N, C-alpha and C. Protein backbone atom coordinates (compact mmCIF):
# COMPACT_ATOMS: atom_id res chain seq x y z
N UNK A 1 -20.51 28.32 1.53
CA UNK A 1 -19.44 28.12 2.67
C UNK A 1 -18.51 29.28 1.70
N UNK A 2 -17.98 30.30 2.63
CA UNK A 2 -16.72 31.48 2.25
C UNK A 2 -15.96 30.38 2.46
N UNK A 3 -15.06 31.66 1.61
CA UNK A 3 -13.41 32.01 1.24
C UNK A 3 -12.70 30.79 2.32
N UNK A 4 -12.57 31.61 3.86
CA UNK A 4 -12.11 31.38 4.99
C UNK A 4 -12.68 29.98 5.52
N UNK A 5 -13.43 29.57 5.46
CA UNK A 5 -14.47 27.84 5.54
C UNK A 5 -13.87 27.38 4.67
N UNK A 6 -13.84 27.34 3.09
CA UNK A 6 -12.86 26.56 2.27
C UNK A 6 -11.69 26.39 2.40
N UNK A 7 -10.94 27.19 3.45
CA UNK A 7 -9.40 27.52 3.76
C UNK A 7 -8.75 26.43 4.68
N UNK A 8 -9.94 27.01 5.58
CA UNK A 8 -10.18 26.10 6.51
C UNK A 8 -10.14 24.90 6.42
N UNK A 9 -11.53 24.25 5.82
CA UNK A 9 -11.31 22.64 5.54
C UNK A 9 -10.55 22.11 4.84
N UNK A 10 -10.30 22.94 3.96
CA UNK A 10 -9.16 22.10 2.52
C UNK A 10 -7.61 22.40 3.40
N UNK A 11 -7.37 22.93 3.90
CA UNK A 11 -5.90 23.41 4.66
C UNK A 11 -5.60 23.17 5.84
N UNK A 12 -6.35 23.62 6.37
CA UNK A 12 -6.69 23.92 7.95
C UNK A 12 -5.88 22.38 8.71
N UNK A 13 -7.65 21.52 8.41
CA UNK A 13 -7.91 20.26 9.14
C UNK A 13 -6.07 19.63 8.71
N UNK A 14 -6.32 19.33 7.42
CA UNK A 14 -5.34 18.53 6.59
C UNK A 14 -3.52 18.50 7.38
N UNK A 15 -3.56 20.24 7.49
CA UNK A 15 -2.21 20.27 7.99
C UNK A 15 -2.68 19.94 9.68
N UNK A 16 -3.45 20.61 9.86
CA UNK A 16 -3.40 19.94 12.15
C UNK A 16 -3.51 18.80 12.02
N UNK A 17 -3.77 17.04 11.28
CA UNK A 17 -3.58 16.47 11.43
C UNK A 17 -1.95 15.65 11.44
N UNK A 18 -2.00 16.45 10.40
CA UNK A 18 0.02 16.10 10.12
C UNK A 18 0.69 16.83 11.62
N UNK A 19 0.79 18.07 11.25
CA UNK A 19 1.15 18.52 12.35
C UNK A 19 1.04 17.62 14.27
N UNK A 20 -0.38 16.92 14.08
CA UNK A 20 -0.35 15.97 15.32
C UNK A 20 0.17 14.85 15.22
N UNK A 21 0.60 14.53 14.01
CA UNK A 21 0.89 13.03 13.62
C UNK A 21 2.57 13.29 13.84
N UNK A 22 2.91 14.08 13.20
CA UNK A 22 4.71 14.16 13.29
C UNK A 22 4.99 14.69 15.00
N UNK A 23 3.76 15.33 15.51
CA UNK A 23 4.21 15.54 17.39
C UNK A 23 4.15 14.43 18.27
N UNK A 24 3.34 13.33 17.91
CA UNK A 24 3.03 12.00 18.02
C UNK A 24 4.68 11.54 17.72
N UNK A 25 5.22 11.30 16.98
CA UNK A 25 6.13 10.17 16.12
C UNK A 25 7.51 11.13 16.82
N UNK A 26 7.74 12.20 16.46
CA UNK A 26 9.28 13.07 17.20
C UNK A 26 9.31 13.15 18.57
N UNK A 27 8.49 13.30 19.20
CA UNK A 27 8.38 14.03 20.58
C UNK A 27 8.95 12.61 21.83
N UNK A 28 9.62 12.78 22.78
CA UNK A 28 10.56 11.32 23.40
C UNK A 28 9.46 11.17 24.37
N UNK A 29 9.92 9.95 25.14
CA UNK A 29 8.80 9.43 25.56
C UNK A 29 8.71 7.86 24.91
N UNK A 30 7.84 7.18 25.74
CA UNK A 30 7.72 5.71 25.39
C UNK A 30 8.82 5.16 26.05
N UNK A 31 8.11 3.27 25.94
CA UNK A 31 9.09 3.04 26.82
C UNK A 31 10.67 2.64 25.59
N UNK A 32 11.98 2.77 26.56
CA UNK A 32 13.03 3.14 26.31
C UNK A 32 13.75 1.90 26.31
N UNK A 33 14.04 0.78 25.21
CA UNK A 33 14.89 -0.40 25.41
C UNK A 33 16.38 -0.30 25.26
N UNK A 34 17.10 -0.71 25.83
CA UNK A 34 18.65 -1.16 25.89
C UNK A 34 18.63 -2.00 24.07
N UNK A 35 19.20 -1.16 23.37
CA UNK A 35 19.88 -2.00 22.12
C UNK A 35 20.60 -2.40 22.34
N UNK A 36 20.84 -3.49 20.88
CA UNK A 36 22.27 -4.30 20.98
C UNK A 36 23.10 -3.47 20.04
N UNK A 37 24.46 -3.38 20.91
CA UNK A 37 25.62 -2.15 19.04
C UNK A 37 26.65 -3.43 19.52
N UNK A 38 27.22 -3.17 17.97
CA UNK A 38 27.74 -4.37 17.96
C UNK A 38 28.88 -4.27 18.77
N UNK A 39 30.29 -4.76 18.78
CA UNK A 39 31.27 -4.86 19.69
C UNK A 39 30.33 -5.58 20.96
N UNK A 40 29.31 -5.44 21.77
CA UNK A 40 29.07 -5.92 22.94
C UNK A 40 28.78 -7.26 23.48
N UNK A 41 29.32 -7.70 24.22
CA UNK A 41 28.78 -9.08 24.54
C UNK A 41 27.78 -9.33 24.30
N UNK A 42 27.02 -10.51 23.78
CA UNK A 42 25.60 -10.93 23.59
C UNK A 42 25.48 -11.84 24.66
N UNK A 43 24.24 -11.28 25.45
CA UNK A 43 23.79 -11.91 26.50
C UNK A 43 22.25 -13.16 26.91
N UNK A 44 21.94 -12.96 25.54
CA UNK A 44 20.53 -13.33 25.37
C UNK A 44 21.00 -15.29 25.21
N UNK A 45 19.71 -15.95 25.17
CA UNK A 45 19.93 -16.98 24.91
C UNK A 45 19.54 -17.09 23.84
N UNK A 46 19.95 -18.31 23.00
CA UNK A 46 19.71 -18.06 21.20
C UNK A 46 18.70 -18.79 21.16
N UNK A 47 18.07 -18.18 19.56
CA UNK A 47 16.65 -18.50 19.49
C UNK A 47 16.83 -19.07 18.27
N UNK A 48 16.03 -20.10 17.94
CA UNK A 48 16.38 -20.77 16.12
C UNK A 48 15.17 -20.64 15.79
N UNK A 49 15.22 -20.30 14.38
CA UNK A 49 14.07 -19.52 13.59
C UNK A 49 13.81 -20.61 12.36
N UNK A 50 13.64 -21.76 12.30
CA UNK A 50 13.13 -22.52 11.68
C UNK A 50 11.77 -22.44 11.54
N UNK A 51 11.53 -23.53 10.10
CA UNK A 51 9.81 -23.68 10.17
C UNK A 51 9.12 -24.41 10.81
N UNK A 52 9.87 -25.79 11.26
CA UNK A 52 9.49 -26.80 11.54
C UNK A 52 10.22 -27.54 13.16
N UNK A 53 9.16 -27.22 14.31
CA UNK A 53 9.97 -27.81 15.67
C UNK A 53 10.88 -28.81 15.38
N UNK A 54 10.54 -29.98 14.08
CA UNK A 54 11.41 -31.20 14.61
C UNK A 54 13.28 -30.59 13.40
N UNK A 55 12.83 -29.76 12.75
CA UNK A 55 13.76 -29.77 12.36
C UNK A 55 13.79 -29.71 10.42
N UNK A 56 15.25 -29.26 9.95
CA UNK A 56 14.57 -28.98 8.29
C UNK A 56 14.78 -30.53 7.65
N UNK A 57 14.96 -31.31 8.27
CA UNK A 57 15.00 -32.81 7.80
C UNK A 57 13.77 -33.60 8.09
N UNK A 58 12.75 -33.04 8.46
CA UNK A 58 11.83 -33.98 9.39
C UNK A 58 10.66 -33.87 7.99
N UNK A 59 9.78 -35.03 8.47
CA UNK A 59 8.53 -34.47 7.20
C UNK A 59 9.03 -35.41 6.25
N UNK A 60 9.64 -35.64 5.20
CA UNK A 60 10.61 -36.85 4.32
C UNK A 60 10.26 -38.19 4.00
N UNK A 61 10.19 -38.71 5.51
CA UNK A 61 9.79 -40.08 5.45
C UNK A 61 11.23 -40.93 4.78
N UNK A 62 10.83 -42.01 4.28
CA UNK A 62 11.83 -42.80 3.17
C UNK A 62 11.79 -42.49 1.88
N UNK A 63 11.52 -41.52 1.72
CA UNK A 63 11.34 -41.55 0.39
C UNK A 63 12.59 -41.05 -0.24
N UNK A 64 13.04 -41.97 -1.46
CA UNK A 64 14.29 -41.37 -1.65
C UNK A 64 14.19 -40.67 -2.81
N UNK A 65 15.56 -40.40 -3.39
CA UNK A 65 15.48 -38.91 -4.75
C UNK A 65 15.26 -40.31 -5.83
N UNK A 66 14.36 -39.41 -6.96
CA UNK A 66 14.49 -40.06 -8.24
C UNK A 66 16.14 -40.39 -8.88
N UNK A 67 16.32 -41.51 -9.23
CA UNK A 67 17.19 -41.83 -10.24
C UNK A 67 17.60 -41.07 -11.27
N UNK A 68 18.95 -40.46 -11.66
CA UNK A 68 18.72 -39.78 -12.73
C UNK A 68 18.95 -41.01 -13.77
N UNK A 69 18.11 -40.10 -14.99
CA UNK A 69 17.76 -40.83 -16.01
C UNK A 69 18.04 -40.05 -17.32
N UNK A 70 18.02 -40.74 -18.93
CA UNK A 70 18.35 -39.44 -19.94
C UNK A 70 16.79 -39.10 -19.84
N UNK A 71 17.31 -37.66 -20.40
CA UNK A 71 15.95 -36.45 -20.38
C UNK A 71 15.63 -37.19 -22.05
N UNK A 72 14.33 -36.36 -22.10
CA UNK A 72 13.95 -37.11 -23.93
C UNK A 72 14.31 -35.55 -25.06
N UNK A 73 14.82 -35.57 -25.82
CA UNK A 73 15.13 -34.66 -26.72
C UNK A 73 13.73 -33.71 -27.02
N UNK A 74 14.02 -32.33 -26.34
CA UNK A 74 13.65 -31.22 -26.93
C UNK A 74 13.15 -30.76 -28.33
N UNK A 75 12.01 -31.18 -28.77
CA UNK A 75 11.36 -30.73 -29.71
C UNK A 75 10.74 -29.04 -29.88
N UNK A 76 11.57 -28.97 -31.53
CA UNK A 76 11.51 -27.82 -31.73
C UNK A 76 9.80 -26.95 -31.52
N UNK A 77 9.53 -26.20 -31.42
CA UNK A 77 8.09 -25.68 -31.08
C UNK A 77 7.55 -24.26 -31.13
N UNK A 78 6.39 -23.93 -31.14
CA UNK A 78 5.95 -22.65 -30.97
C UNK A 78 6.92 -21.67 -30.19
N UNK A 79 7.75 -20.78 -31.46
CA UNK A 79 8.42 -19.51 -30.15
C UNK A 79 7.92 -18.73 -29.08
N UNK A 80 8.27 -18.21 -28.08
CA UNK A 80 7.81 -17.61 -26.90
C UNK A 80 8.74 -16.72 -26.47
N UNK A 81 8.60 -16.37 -25.61
CA UNK A 81 9.40 -15.48 -24.52
C UNK A 81 9.02 -14.07 -23.76
N UNK A 82 9.81 -13.40 -23.22
CA UNK A 82 8.90 -12.00 -23.14
C UNK A 82 8.97 -10.87 -24.13
N UNK A 83 9.33 -11.08 -25.09
CA UNK A 83 9.15 -10.33 -26.20
C UNK A 83 7.41 -10.58 -27.08
N UNK A 84 7.37 -11.87 -26.66
CA UNK A 84 5.66 -12.22 -27.26
C UNK A 84 6.45 -12.53 -28.59
N UNK A 85 7.17 -13.06 -29.17
CA UNK A 85 7.21 -14.04 -30.80
C UNK A 85 6.82 -15.02 -30.56
N UNK A 86 5.56 -15.42 -30.73
CA UNK A 86 4.90 -16.36 -30.59
C UNK A 86 4.88 -17.03 -31.91
């Protein structure tokens, strides 16, 4: 390969791709949608985002919470932690 071909392949082609992508991004066009700006009245129907259509309380059945009890004493064991002092 000559020097000109090398420069064209390793500099010209990537530069052409970058310029093409920049033109596609920054050129006006496409579908312009009206956007909501704060202070304007909201004229759309509400949309609820929740994990299940039955609501947040669905799927728990008749299970009750566990009764409060005394916890077992914590015994001293091997050391650990973020610093790795095991």
